[in-house]
Amino acid sequence: MKNQLLKWPIINGWITTLLGILFTTFAIKSMLVPNGFLDGGVTGISLLIHELYHLPLCIIIDVANIPFIIMSSYQVSKKFAIRTFASIVILGICLQFLPLPDITAYWQRNMILVALFGGFFL
């Protein structure tokens, strides 16, 4: 018997997108931000601006991704750009409103574990 979700690729795609957003939110809020770790790319630049100027991370990530969403509408497709925009907005909402604890407090600030698990979940 085949998996019923595979018959609806749109639903299957959004489920995996939402799981990715939740993993990213968990890595950023529970591991990277409490320890002052930075990532690469737009997320890293957003984390750096957040650390330096104490602006809300959810807004910085959304604003920093706008040029890439516009570029993707021309380079890939409008459908891809709309889906990416929705994913980034949902990530910002999750970063703002999901209450996640700092789980690295139990590791006595072992930075190797923070880097490994933060990178894995991100």
PDB file of N, CA and C in Angstrom:
ATOM      1  N   MET A   1       0.843  -1.183   0.000  1.00  0.00           N
ATOM      2  CA  MET A   1       0.000   0.000   0.000  1.00  0.00           C
ATOM      3  C   MET A   1       0.883   1.241   0.000  1.00  0.00           C
ATOM      4  N   LYS A   2       0.661   2.098  -0.944  1.00  0.00           N
ATOM      5  CA  LYS A   2       1.486   3.297  -1.075  1.00  0.00           C
ATOM      6  C   LYS A   2       1.079   4.364  -0.072  1.00  0.00           C
ATOM      7  N   ASN A   3       2.058   5.203   0.241  1.00  0.00           N
ATOM      8  CA  ASN A   3       1.813   6.319   1.150  1.00  0.00           C
ATOM      9  C   ASN A   3       0.865   7.316   0.486  1.00  0.00           C
ATOM     10  N   GLN A   4      -0.191   7.696   1.194  1.00  0.00           N
ATOM     11  CA  GLN A   4      -1.201   8.584   0.627  1.00  0.00           C
ATOM     12  C   GLN A   4      -0.701  10.014   0.444  1.00  0.00           C
ATOM     13  N   LEU A   5       0.286  10.447   1.264  1.00  0.00           N
ATOM     14  CA  LEU A   5       0.796  11.809   1.124  1.00  0.00           C
ATOM     15  C   LEU A   5       1.530  12.020  -0.186  1.00  0.00           C
ATOM     16  N   LEU A   6       2.106  10.971  -0.723  1.00  0.00           N
ATOM     17  CA  LEU A   6       2.854  11.117  -1.966  1.00  0.00           C
ATOM     18  C   LEU A   6       1.949  11.428  -3.154  1.00  0.00           C
ATOM     19  N   LYS A   7       0.650  11.195  -3.016  1.00  0.00           N
ATOM     20  CA  LYS A   7      -0.279  11.527  -4.092  1.00  0.00           C
ATOM     21  C   LYS A   7      -0.508  13.030  -4.188  1.00  0.00           C
ATOM     22  N   TRP A   8      -0.229  13.760  -3.109  1.00  0.00           N
ATOM     23  CA  TRP A   8      -0.407  15.204  -3.092  1.00  0.00           C
ATOM     24  C   TRP A   8       0.941  15.862  -2.854  1.00  0.00           C
ATOM     25  N   PRO A   9       1.702  16.101  -3.909  1.00  0.00           N
ATOM     26  CA  PRO A   9       3.053  16.656  -3.714  1.00  0.00           C
ATOM     27  C   PRO A   9       3.056  18.054  -3.111  1.00  0.00           C
ATOM     28  N   ILE A  10       1.987  18.821  -3.297  1.00  0.00           N
ATOM     29  CA  ILE A  10       1.936  20.157  -2.701  1.00  0.00           C
ATOM     30  C   ILE A  10       1.881  20.048  -1.185  1.00  0.00           C
ATOM     31  N   ILE A  11       1.028  19.165  -0.676  1.00  0.00           N
ATOM     32  CA  ILE A  11       0.925  18.971   0.772  1.00  0.00           C
ATOM     33  C   ILE A  11       2.228  18.401   1.316  1.00  0.00           C
ATOM     34  N   ASN A  12       2.780  17.436   0.620  1.00  0.00           N
ATOM     35  CA  ASN A  12       4.044  16.830   1.037  1.00  0.00           C
ATOM     36  C   ASN A  12       5.164  17.875   1.065  1.00  0.00           C
ATOM     37  N   GLY A  13       5.191  18.758   0.082  1.00  0.00           N
ATOM     38  CA  GLY A  13       6.197  19.811   0.040  1.00  0.00           C
ATOM     39  C   GLY A  13       6.051  20.799   1.187  1.00  0.00           C
ATOM     40  N   TRP A  14       4.820  21.170   1.521  1.00  0.00           N
ATOM     41  CA  TRP A  14       4.610  22.108   2.624  1.00  0.00           C
ATOM     42  C   TRP A  14       4.902  21.459   3.975  1.00  0.00           C
ATOM     43  N   ILE A  15       4.647  20.164   4.101  1.00  0.00           N
ATOM     44  CA  ILE A  15       4.980  19.471   5.355  1.00  0.00           C
ATOM     45  C   ILE A  15       6.484  19.485   5.572  1.00  0.00           C
ATOM     46  N   THR A  16       7.249  19.178   4.546  1.00  0.00           N
ATOM     47  CA  THR A  16       8.709  19.196   4.697  1.00  0.00           C
ATOM     48  C   THR A  16       9.222  20.620   4.904  1.00  0.00           C
ATOM     49  N   THR A  17       8.590  21.593   4.276  1.00  0.00           N
ATOM     50  CA  THR A  17       8.982  22.988   4.487  1.00  0.00           C
ATOM     51  C   THR A  17       8.735  23.406   5.928  1.00  0.00           C
ATOM     52  N   LEU A  18       7.579  23.059   6.470  1.00  0.00           N
ATOM     53  CA  LEU A  18       7.271  23.407   7.857  1.00  0.00           C
ATOM     54  C   LEU A  18       8.206  22.703   8.839  1.00  0.00           C
ATOM     55  N   LEU A  19       8.561  21.453   8.551  1.00  0.00           N
ATOM     56  CA  LEU A  19       9.536  20.763   9.402  1.00  0.00           C
ATOM     57  C   LEU A  19      10.891  21.467   9.357  1.00  0.00           C
ATOM     58  N   GLY A  20      11.295  21.899   8.185  1.00  0.00           N
ATOM     59  CA  GLY A  20      12.552  22.638   8.065  1.00  0.00           C
ATOM     60  C   GLY A  20      12.515  23.953   8.825  1.00  0.00           C
ATOM     61  N   ILE A  21      11.396  24.643   8.776  1.00  0.00           N
ATOM     62  CA  ILE A  21      11.244  25.896   9.513  1.00  0.00           C
ATOM     63  C   ILE A  21      11.333  25.647  11.013  1.00  0.00           C
ATOM     64  N   LEU A  22      10.694  24.591  11.482  1.00  0.00           N
ATOM     65  CA  LEU A  22      10.740  24.273  12.916  1.00  0.00           C
ATOM     66  C   LEU A  22      12.151  23.881  13.362  1.00  0.00           C
ATOM     67  N   PHE A  23      12.866  23.105  12.549  1.00  0.00           N
ATOM     68  CA  PHE A  23      14.249  22.757  12.875  1.00  0.00           C
ATOM     69  C   PHE A  23      15.130  24.001  12.914  1.00  0.00           C
ATOM     70  N   THR A  24      14.939  24.889  11.946  1.00  0.00           N
ATOM     71  CA  THR A  24      15.723  26.121  11.900  1.00  0.00           C
ATOM     72  C   THR A  24      15.431  27.000  13.105  1.00  0.00           C
ATOM     73  N   THR A  25      14.162  27.131  13.459  1.00  0.00           N
ATOM     74  CA  THR A  25      13.784  27.919  14.634  1.00  0.00           C
ATOM     75  C   THR A  25      14.407  27.336  15.895  1.00  0.00           C
ATOM     76  N   PHE A  26      14.367  26.018  16.022  1.00  0.00           N
ATOM     77  CA  PHE A  26      14.951  25.354  17.185  1.00  0.00           C
ATOM     78  C   PHE A  26      16.455  25.611  17.263  1.00  0.00           C
ATOM     79  N   ALA A  27      17.150  25.485  16.151  1.00  0.00           N
ATOM     80  CA  ALA A  27      18.606  25.684  16.148  1.00  0.00           C
ATOM     81  C   ALA A  27      18.966  27.119  16.492  1.00  0.00           C
ATOM     82  N   ILE A  28      18.250  28.071  15.927  1.00  0.00           N
ATOM     83  CA  ILE A  28      18.580  29.475  16.155  1.00  0.00           C
ATOM     84  C   ILE A  28      18.254  29.895  17.585  1.00  0.00           C
ATOM     85  N   LYS A  29      17.029  29.592  18.052  1.00  0.00           N
ATOM     86  CA  LYS A  29      16.606  30.080  19.365  1.00  0.00           C
ATOM     87  C   LYS A  29      17.178  29.289  20.537  1.00  0.00           C
ATOM     88  N   SER A  30      17.420  28.001  20.348  1.00  0.00           N
ATOM     89  CA  SER A  30      17.867  27.182  21.473  1.00  0.00           C
ATOM     90  C   SER A  30      19.370  26.981  21.527  1.00  0.00           C
ATOM     91  N   MET A  31      20.071  27.242  20.439  1.00  0.00           N
ATOM     92  CA  MET A  31      21.504  26.959  20.427  1.00  0.00           C
ATOM     93  C   MET A  31      22.361  28.147  20.002  1.00  0.00           C
ATOM     94  N   LEU A  32      22.071  28.729  18.862  1.00  0.00           N
ATOM     95  CA  LEU A  32      22.972  29.737  18.312  1.00  0.00           C
ATOM     96  C   LEU A  32      22.870  31.078  19.027  1.00  0.00           C
ATOM     97  N   VAL A  33      21.673  31.623  19.160  1.00  0.00           N
ATOM     98  CA  VAL A  33      21.502  32.946  19.768  1.00  0.00           C
ATOM     99  C   VAL A  33      21.953  32.975  21.231  1.00  0.00           C
ATOM    100  N   PRO A  34      21.580  32.002  22.068  1.00  0.00           N
ATOM    101  CA  PRO A  34      22.016  32.086  23.468  1.00  0.00           C
ATOM    102  C   PRO A  34      23.530  32.022  23.657  1.00  0.00           C
ATOM    103  N   ASN A  35      24.247  31.456  22.693  1.00  0.00           N
ATOM    104  CA  ASN A  35      25.692  31.312  22.820  1.00  0.00           C
ATOM    105  C   ASN A  35      26.476  32.285  21.951  1.00  0.00           C
ATOM    106  N   GLY A  36      25.794  33.149  21.234  1.00  0.00           N
ATOM    107  CA  GLY A  36      26.473  34.129  20.396  1.00  0.00           C
ATOM    108  C   GLY A  36      27.126  33.532  19.168  1.00  0.00           C
ATOM    109  N   PHE A  37      26.647  32.377  18.709  1.00  0.00           N
ATOM    110  CA  PHE A  37      27.193  31.741  17.510  1.00  0.00           C
ATOM    111  C   PHE A  37      26.611  32.395  16.265  1.00  0.00           C
ATOM    112  N   LEU A  38      27.399  32.437  15.216  1.00  0.00           N
ATOM    113  CA  LEU A  38      26.939  32.944  13.930  1.00  0.00           C
ATOM    114  C   LEU A  38      26.950  31.822  12.917  1.00  0.00           C
ATOM    115  N   ASP A  39      26.084  31.918  11.954  1.00  0.00           N
ATOM    116  CA  ASP A  39      25.992  30.958  10.868  1.00  0.00           C
ATOM    117  C   ASP A  39      26.509  31.642   9.610  1.00  0.00           C
ATOM    118  N   GLY A  40      26.525  30.946   8.532  1.00  0.00           N
ATOM    119  CA  GLY A  40      26.929  31.541   7.270  1.00  0.00           C
ATOM    120  C   GLY A  40      25.734  32.075   6.505  1.00  0.00           C
ATOM    121  N   GLY A  41      25.989  32.865   5.495  1.00  0.00           N
ATOM    122  CA  GLY A  41      24.942  33.351   4.610  1.00  0.00           C
ATOM    123  C   GLY A  41      24.078  34.430   5.218  1.00  0.00           C
ATOM    124  N   VAL A  42      22.859  34.508   4.721  1.00  0.00           N
ATOM    125  CA  VAL A  42      21.929  35.536   5.161  1.00  0.00           C
ATOM    126  C   VAL A  42      21.564  35.350   6.632  1.00  0.00           C
ATOM    127  N   THR A  43      21.444  34.113   7.068  1.00  0.00           N
ATOM    128  CA  THR A  43      21.136  33.858   8.479  1.00  0.00           C
ATOM    129  C   THR A  43      22.259  34.365   9.365  1.00  0.00           C
ATOM    130  N   GLY A  44      23.498  34.140   8.964  1.00  0.00           N
ATOM    131  CA  GLY A  44      24.641  34.624   9.738  1.00  0.00           C
ATOM    132  C   GLY A  44      24.707  36.140   9.793  1.00  0.00           C
ATOM    133  N   ILE A  45      24.439  36.785   8.671  1.00  0.00           N
ATOM    134  CA  ILE A  45      24.426  38.253   8.645  1.00  0.00           C
ATOM    135  C   ILE A  45      23.305  38.776   9.542  1.00  0.00           C
ATOM    136  N   SER A  46      22.152  38.103   9.508  1.00  0.00           N
ATOM    137  CA  SER A  46      21.035  38.508  10.368  1.00  0.00           C
ATOM    138  C   SER A  46      21.381  38.319  11.841  1.00  0.00           C
ATOM    139  N   LEU A  47      22.039  37.210  12.172  1.00  0.00           N
ATOM    140  CA  LEU A  47      22.452  36.979  13.555  1.00  0.00           C
ATOM    141  C   LEU A  47      23.470  38.019  14.008  1.00  0.00           C
ATOM    142  N   LEU A  48      24.385  38.399  13.117  1.00  0.00           N
ATOM    143  CA  LEU A  48      25.386  39.412  13.443  1.00  0.00           C
ATOM    144  C   LEU A  48      24.736  40.768  13.712  1.00  0.00           C
ATOM    145  N   ILE A  49      23.811  41.164  12.858  1.00  0.00           N
ATOM    146  CA  ILE A  49      23.105  42.436  13.057  1.00  0.00           C
ATOM    147  C   ILE A  49      22.296  42.389  14.355  1.00  0.00           C
ATOM    148  N   HIS A  50      21.685  41.240  14.629  1.00  0.00           N
ATOM    149  CA  HIS A  50      20.924  41.072  15.871  1.00  0.00           C
ATOM    150  C   HIS A  50      21.836  41.220  17.098  1.00  0.00           C
ATOM    151  N   GLU A  51      23.016  40.641  17.038  1.00  0.00           N
ATOM    152  CA  GLU A  51      23.949  40.720  18.168  1.00  0.00           C
ATOM    153  C   GLU A  51      24.512  42.135  18.343  1.00  0.00           C
ATOM    154  N   LEU A  52      24.793  42.812  17.245  1.00  0.00           N
ATOM    155  CA  LEU A  52      25.403  44.137  17.334  1.00  0.00           C
ATOM    156  C   LEU A  52      24.406  45.222  17.726  1.00  0.00           C
ATOM    157  N   TYR A  53      23.226  45.198  17.139  1.00  0.00           N
ATOM    158  CA  TYR A  53      22.284  46.295  17.320  1.00  0.00           C
ATOM    159  C   TYR A  53      21.036  45.922  18.126  1.00  0.00           C
ATOM    160  N   HIS A  54      20.905  44.674  18.506  1.00  0.00           N
ATOM    161  CA  HIS A  54      19.789  44.181  19.312  1.00  0.00           C
ATOM    162  C   HIS A  54      18.435  44.465  18.677  1.00  0.00           C
ATOM    163  N   LEU A  55      18.390  44.347  17.367  1.00  0.00           N
ATOM    164  CA  LEU A  55      17.128  44.452  16.634  1.00  0.00           C
ATOM    165  C   LEU A  55      16.445  43.088  16.642  1.00  0.00           C
ATOM    166  N   PRO A  56      15.136  43.046  16.464  1.00  0.00           N
ATOM    167  CA  PRO A  56      14.439  41.753  16.446  1.00  0.00           C
ATOM    168  C   PRO A  56      14.921  40.871  15.290  1.00  0.00           C
ATOM    169  N   LEU A  57      15.304  39.664  15.630  1.00  0.00           N
ATOM    170  CA  LEU A  57      15.863  38.742  14.637  1.00  0.00           C
ATOM    171  C   LEU A  57      14.846  38.384  13.563  1.00  0.00           C
ATOM    172  N   CYS A  58      13.577  38.276  13.941  1.00  0.00           N
ATOM    173  CA  CYS A  58      12.559  37.897  12.963  1.00  0.00           C
ATOM    174  C   CYS A  58      12.444  38.929  11.839  1.00  0.00           C
ATOM    175  N   ILE A  59      12.557  40.187  12.172  1.00  0.00           N
ATOM    176  CA  ILE A  59      12.452  41.243  11.158  1.00  0.00           C
ATOM    177  C   ILE A  59      13.721  41.292  10.303  1.00  0.00           C
ATOM    178  N   ILE A  60      14.865  41.125  10.939  1.00  0.00           N
ATOM    179  CA  ILE A  60      16.124  41.183  10.197  1.00  0.00           C
ATOM    180  C   ILE A  60      16.195  40.066   9.166  1.00  0.00           C
ATOM    181  N   ILE A  61      15.816  38.853   9.554  1.00  0.00           N
ATOM    182  CA  ILE A  61      15.853  37.728   8.611  1.00  0.00           C
ATOM    183  C   ILE A  61      14.894  37.978   7.448  1.00  0.00           C
ATOM    184  N   ASP A  62      13.705  38.474   7.744  1.00  0.00           N
ATOM    185  CA  ASP A  62      12.742  38.745   6.670  1.00  0.00           C
ATOM    186  C   ASP A  62      13.265  39.808   5.703  1.00  0.00           C
ATOM    187  N   VAL A  63      13.785  40.904   6.234  1.00  0.00           N
ATOM    188  CA  VAL A  63      14.274  41.998   5.388  1.00  0.00           C
ATOM    189  C   VAL A  63      15.515  41.578   4.599  1.00  0.00           C
ATOM    190  N   ALA A  64      16.411  40.836   5.236  1.00  0.00           N
ATOM    191  CA  ALA A  64      17.641  40.431   4.558  1.00  0.00           C
ATOM    192  C   ALA A  64      17.384  39.471   3.405  1.00  0.00           C
ATOM    193  N   ASN A  65      16.293  38.746   3.437  1.00  0.00           N
ATOM    194  CA  ASN A  65      15.987  37.782   2.377  1.00  0.00           C
ATOM    195  C   ASN A  65      15.212  38.384   1.212  1.00  0.00           C
ATOM    196  N   ILE A  66      14.714  39.598   1.347  1.00  0.00           N
ATOM    197  CA  ILE A  66      13.906  40.204   0.284  1.00  0.00           C
ATOM    198  C   ILE A  66      14.649  40.287  -1.055  1.00  0.00           C
ATOM    199  N   PRO A  67      15.907  40.736  -1.093  1.00  0.00           N
ATOM    200  CA  PRO A  67      16.579  40.785  -2.408  1.00  0.00           C
ATOM    201  C   PRO A  67      16.701  39.420  -3.076  1.00  0.00           C
ATOM    202  N   PHE A  68      16.891  38.384  -2.290  1.00  0.00           N
ATOM    203  CA  PHE A  68      17.029  37.047  -2.862  1.00  0.00           C
ATOM    204  C   PHE A  68      15.686  36.498  -3.341  1.00  0.00           C
ATOM    205  N   ILE A  69      14.615  36.878  -2.673  1.00  0.00           N
ATOM    206  CA  ILE A  69      13.291  36.466  -3.127  1.00  0.00           C
ATOM    207  C   ILE A  69      12.954  37.155  -4.444  1.00  0.00           C
ATOM    208  N   ILE A  70      13.276  38.435  -4.551  1.00  0.00           N
ATOM    209  CA  ILE A  70      13.039  39.158  -5.808  1.00  0.00           C
ATOM    210  C   ILE A  70      13.880  38.554  -6.932  1.00  0.00           C
ATOM    211  N   MET A  71      15.147  38.271  -6.637  1.00  0.00           N
ATOM    212  CA  MET A  71      16.021  37.672  -7.648  1.00  0.00           C
ATOM    213  C   MET A  71      15.506  36.295  -8.076  1.00  0.00           C
ATOM    214  N   SER A  72      14.998  35.517  -7.129  1.00  0.00           N
ATOM    215  CA  SER A  72      14.514  34.181  -7.484  1.00  0.00           C
ATOM    216  C   SER A  72      13.263  34.237  -8.351  1.00  0.00           C
ATOM    217  N   SER A  73      12.474  35.307  -8.237  1.00  0.00           N
ATOM    218  CA  SER A  73      11.291  35.411  -9.091  1.00  0.00           C
ATOM    219  C   SER A  73      11.679  35.578 -10.551  1.00  0.00           C
ATOM    220  N   TYR A  74      12.834  36.198 -10.798  1.00  0.00           N
ATOM    221  CA  TYR A  74      13.320  36.352 -12.171  1.00  0.00           C
ATOM    222  C   TYR A  74      14.137  35.161 -12.642  1.00  0.00           C
ATOM    223  N   GLN A  75      14.923  34.592 -11.764  1.00  0.00           N
ATOM    224  CA  GLN A  75      15.832  33.520 -12.150  1.00  0.00           C
ATOM    225  C   GLN A  75      15.194  32.136 -12.136  1.00  0.00           C
ATOM    226  N   VAL A  76      14.278  31.892 -11.200  1.00  0.00           N
ATOM    227  CA  VAL A  76      13.680  30.560 -11.079  1.00  0.00           C
ATOM    228  C   VAL A  76      12.234  30.615 -11.570  1.00  0.00           C
ATOM    229  N   SER A  77      11.331  31.081 -10.716  1.00  0.00           N
ATOM    230  CA  SER A  77       9.928  31.243 -11.118  1.00  0.00           C
ATOM    231  C   SER A  77       9.191  32.042 -10.055  1.00  0.00           C
ATOM    232  N   LYS A  78       8.071  32.583 -10.448  1.00  0.00           N
ATOM    233  CA  LYS A  78       7.259  33.347  -9.507  1.00  0.00           C
ATOM    234  C   LYS A  78       6.684  32.429  -8.423  1.00  0.00           C
ATOM    235  N   LYS A  79       6.321  31.211  -8.794  1.00  0.00           N
ATOM    236  CA  LYS A  79       5.783  30.248  -7.832  1.00  0.00           C
ATOM    237  C   LYS A  79       6.828  29.932  -6.752  1.00  0.00           C
ATOM    238  N   PHE A  80       8.060  29.742  -7.165  1.00  0.00           N
ATOM    239  CA  PHE A  80       9.147  29.481  -6.222  1.00  0.00           C
ATOM    240  C   PHE A  80       9.359  30.679  -5.304  1.00  0.00           C
ATOM    241  N   ALA A  81       9.311  31.883  -5.855  1.00  0.00           N
ATOM    242  CA  ALA A  81       9.515  33.090  -5.062  1.00  0.00           C
ATOM    243  C   ALA A  81       8.395  33.273  -4.039  1.00  0.00           C
ATOM    244  N   ILE A  82       7.164  32.993  -4.424  1.00  0.00           N
ATOM    245  CA  ILE A  82       6.042  33.114  -3.496  1.00  0.00           C
ATOM    246  C   ILE A  82       6.166  32.101  -2.368  1.00  0.00           C
ATOM    247  N   ARG A  83       6.541  30.888  -2.705  1.00  0.00           N
ATOM    248  CA  ARG A  83       6.716  29.854  -1.674  1.00  0.00           C
ATOM    249  C   ARG A  83       7.877  30.209  -0.743  1.00  0.00           C
ATOM    250  N   THR A  84       8.958  30.720  -1.297  1.00  0.00           N
ATOM    251  CA  THR A  84      10.091  31.133  -0.476  1.00  0.00           C
ATOM    252  C   THR A  84       9.711  32.290   0.434  1.00  0.00           C
ATOM    253  N   PHE A  85       8.985  33.264  -0.095  1.00  0.00           N
ATOM    254  CA  PHE A  85       8.529  34.392   0.710  1.00  0.00           C
ATOM    255  C   PHE A  85       7.661  33.913   1.869  1.00  0.00           C
ATOM    256  N   ALA A  86       6.723  33.011   1.584  1.00  0.00           N
ATOM    257  CA  ALA A  86       5.855  32.479   2.638  1.00  0.00           C
ATOM    258  C   ALA A  86       6.678  31.730   3.694  1.00  0.00           C
ATOM    259  N   SER A  87       7.671  30.981   3.256  1.00  0.00           N
ATOM    260  CA  SER A  87       8.517  30.239   4.199  1.00  0.00           C
ATOM    261  C   SER A  87       9.313  31.179   5.094  1.00  0.00           C
ATOM    262  N   ILE A  88       9.841  32.249   4.532  1.00  0.00           N
ATOM    263  CA  ILE A  88      10.619  33.202   5.314  1.00  0.00           C
ATOM    264  C   ILE A  88       9.723  33.943   6.307  1.00  0.00           C
ATOM    265  N   VAL A  89       8.525  34.290   5.897  1.00  0.00           N
ATOM    266  CA  VAL A  89       7.592  34.962   6.816  1.00  0.00           C
ATOM    267  C   VAL A  89       7.204  34.021   7.955  1.00  0.00           C
ATOM    268  N   ILE A  90       6.938  32.762   7.638  1.00  0.00           N
ATOM    269  CA  ILE A  90       6.597  31.790   8.683  1.00  0.00           C
ATOM    270  C   ILE A  90       7.786  31.587   9.621  1.00  0.00           C
ATOM    271  N   LEU A  91       9.002  31.568   9.091  1.00  0.00           N
ATOM    272  CA  LEU A  91      10.192  31.463   9.942  1.00  0.00           C
ATOM    273  C   LEU A  91      10.273  32.652  10.892  1.00  0.00           C
ATOM    274  N   GLY A  92      10.029  33.847  10.393  1.00  0.00           N
ATOM    275  CA  GLY A  92      10.044  35.030  11.243  1.00  0.00           C
ATOM    276  C   GLY A  92       8.990  34.970  12.340  1.00  0.00           C
ATOM    277  N   ILE A  93       7.810  34.480  11.991  1.00  0.00           N
ATOM    278  CA  ILE A  93       6.739  34.348  12.990  1.00  0.00           C
ATOM    279  C   ILE A  93       7.135  33.328  14.053  1.00  0.00           C
ATOM    280  N   CYS A  94       7.697  32.206  13.620  1.00  0.00           N
ATOM    281  CA  CYS A  94       8.134  31.180  14.581  1.00  0.00           C
ATOM    282  C   CYS A  94       9.249  31.709  15.475  1.00  0.00           C
ATOM    283  N   LEU A  95      10.192  32.447  14.910  1.00  0.00           N
ATOM    284  CA  LEU A  95      11.268  33.006  15.721  1.00  0.00           C
ATOM    285  C   LEU A  95      10.740  33.988  16.755  1.00  0.00           C
ATOM    286  N   GLN A  96       9.694  34.698  16.412  1.00  0.00           N
ATOM    287  CA  GLN A  96       9.146  35.692  17.332  1.00  0.00           C
ATOM    288  C   GLN A  96       8.274  35.064  18.416  1.00  0.00           C
ATOM    289  N   PHE A  97       7.461  34.082  18.057  1.00  0.00           N
ATOM    290  CA  PHE A  97       6.413  33.646  18.976  1.00  0.00           C
ATOM    291  C   PHE A  97       6.581  32.245  19.568  1.00  0.00           C
ATOM    292  N   LEU A  98       7.436  31.403  19.012  1.00  0.00           N
ATOM    293  CA  LEU A  98       7.619  30.077  19.597  1.00  0.00           C
ATOM    294  C   LEU A  98       8.522  30.166  20.824  1.00  0.00           C
ATOM    295  N   PRO A  99       8.026  29.778  21.990  1.00  0.00           N
ATOM    296  CA  PRO A  99       8.868  29.833  23.193  1.00  0.00           C
ATOM    297  C   PRO A  99       9.739  28.581  23.299  1.00  0.00           C
ATOM    298  N   LEU A 100      10.997  28.724  22.998  1.00  0.00           N
ATOM    299  CA  LEU A 100      11.937  27.600  23.080  1.00  0.00           C
ATOM    300  C   LEU A 100      13.005  27.903  24.128  1.00  0.00           C
ATOM    301  N   PRO A 101      13.339  26.922  24.944  1.00  0.00           N
ATOM    302  CA  PRO A 101      14.338  27.163  25.998  1.00  0.00           C
ATOM    303  C   PRO A 101      15.760  27.089  25.445  1.00  0.00           C
ATOM    304  N   ASP A 102      16.690  27.632  26.218  1.00  0.00           N
ATOM    305  CA  ASP A 102      18.109  27.503  25.901  1.00  0.00           C
ATOM    306  C   ASP A 102      18.554  26.134  26.414  1.00  0.00           C
ATOM    307  N   ILE A 103      18.626  25.148  25.517  1.00  0.00           N
ATOM    308  CA  ILE A 103      18.980  23.804  25.965  1.00  0.00           C
ATOM    309  C   ILE A 103      20.478  23.654  26.205  1.00  0.00           C
ATOM    310  N   THR A 104      21.268  24.615  25.771  1.00  0.00           N
ATOM    311  CA  THR A 104      22.715  24.499  25.948  1.00  0.00           C
ATOM    312  C   THR A 104      23.149  24.794  27.375  1.00  0.00           C
ATOM    313  N   ALA A 105      22.244  25.303  28.201  1.00  0.00           N
ATOM    314  CA  ALA A 105      22.582  25.531  29.607  1.00  0.00           C
ATOM    315  C   ALA A 105      22.898  24.212  30.303  1.00  0.00           C
ATOM    316  N   TYR A 106      22.327  23.120  29.828  1.00  0.00           N
ATOM    317  CA  TYR A 106      22.581  21.807  30.411  1.00  0.00           C
ATOM    318  C   TYR A 106      23.932  21.244  29.989  1.00  0.00           C
ATOM    319  N   TRP A 107      24.525  21.809  28.954  1.00  0.00           N
ATOM    320  CA  TRP A 107      25.821  21.328  28.452  1.00  0.00           C
ATOM    321  C   TRP A 107      26.977  22.107  29.053  1.00  0.00           C
ATOM    322  N   GLN A 108      26.731  22.950  30.039  1.00  0.00           N
ATOM    323  CA  GLN A 108      27.745  23.810  30.655  1.00  0.00           C
ATOM    324  C   GLN A 108      28.504  24.605  29.586  1.00  0.00           C
ATOM    325  N   ARG A 109      27.758  25.097  28.608  1.00  0.00           N
ATOM    326  CA  ARG A 109      28.298  25.948  27.533  1.00  0.00           C
ATOM    327  C   ARG A 109      29.455  25.288  26.777  1.00  0.00           C
ATOM    328  N   ASN A 110      29.313  24.006  26.497  1.00  0.00           N
ATOM    329  CA  ASN A 110      30.303  23.301  25.692  1.00  0.00           C
ATOM    330  C   ASN A 110      30.125  23.735  24.238  1.00  0.00           C
ATOM    331  N   MET A 111      31.022  24.574  23.769  1.00  0.00           N
ATOM    332  CA  MET A 111      30.865  25.202  22.461  1.00  0.00           C
ATOM    333  C   MET A 111      30.980  24.215  21.301  1.00  0.00           C
ATOM    334  N   ILE A 112      31.681  23.119  21.495  1.00  0.00           N
ATOM    335  CA  ILE A 112      31.765  22.116  20.427  1.00  0.00           C
ATOM    336  C   ILE A 112      30.395  21.480  20.211  1.00  0.00           C
ATOM    337  N   LEU A 113      29.698  21.161  21.303  1.00  0.00           N
ATOM    338  CA  LEU A 113      28.353  20.599  21.170  1.00  0.00           C
ATOM    339  C   LEU A 113      27.389  21.602  20.567  1.00  0.00           C
ATOM    340  N   VAL A 114      27.529  22.857  20.959  1.00  0.00           N
ATOM    341  CA  VAL A 114      26.659  23.894  20.382  1.00  0.00           C
ATOM    342  C   VAL A 114      26.890  23.994  18.883  1.00  0.00           C
ATOM    343  N   ALA A 115      28.142  24.000  18.450  1.00  0.00           N
ATOM    344  CA  ALA A 115      28.445  24.094  17.021  1.00  0.00           C
ATOM    345  C   ALA A 115      27.955  22.872  16.260  1.00  0.00           C
ATOM    346  N   LEU A 116      28.165  21.681  16.819  1.00  0.00           N
ATOM    347  CA  LEU A 116      27.753  20.459  16.117  1.00  0.00           C
ATOM    348  C   LEU A 116      26.237  20.359  16.005  1.00  0.00           C
ATOM    349  N   PHE A 117      25.541  20.476  17.122  1.00  0.00           N
ATOM    350  CA  PHE A 117      24.101  20.314  17.081  1.00  0.00           C
ATOM    351  C   PHE A 117      23.394  21.515  16.450  1.00  0.00           C
ATOM    352  N   GLY A 118      23.901  22.708  16.677  1.00  0.00           N
ATOM    353  CA  GLY A 118      23.330  23.882  16.028  1.00  0.00           C
ATOM    354  C   GLY A 118      23.444  23.789  14.515  1.00  0.00           C
ATOM    355  N   GLY A 119      24.619  23.387  14.044  1.00  0.00           N
ATOM    356  CA  GLY A 119      24.814  23.200  12.607  1.00  0.00           C
ATOM    357  C   GLY A 119      23.984  22.069  12.042  1.00  0.00           C
ATOM    358  N   PHE A 120      23.848  20.999  12.812  1.00  0.00           N
ATOM    359  CA  PHE A 120      23.037  19.854  12.353  1.00  0.00           C
ATOM    360  C   PHE A 120      21.582  20.264  12.177  1.00  0.00           C
ATOM    361  N   PHE A 121      21.006  20.918  13.172  1.00  0.00           N
ATOM    362  CA  PHE A 121      19.595  21.278  13.081  1.00  0.00           C
ATOM    363  C   PHE A 121      19.352  22.428  12.104  1.00  0.00           C
ATOM    364  N   LEU A 122      20.337  23.265  11.912  1.00  0.00           N
ATOM    365  CA  LEU A 122      20.164  24.355  10.969  1.00  0.00           C
ATOM    366  C   LEU A 122      20.319  23.851   9.547  1.00  0.00           C
TER     367      LEU A 122
END
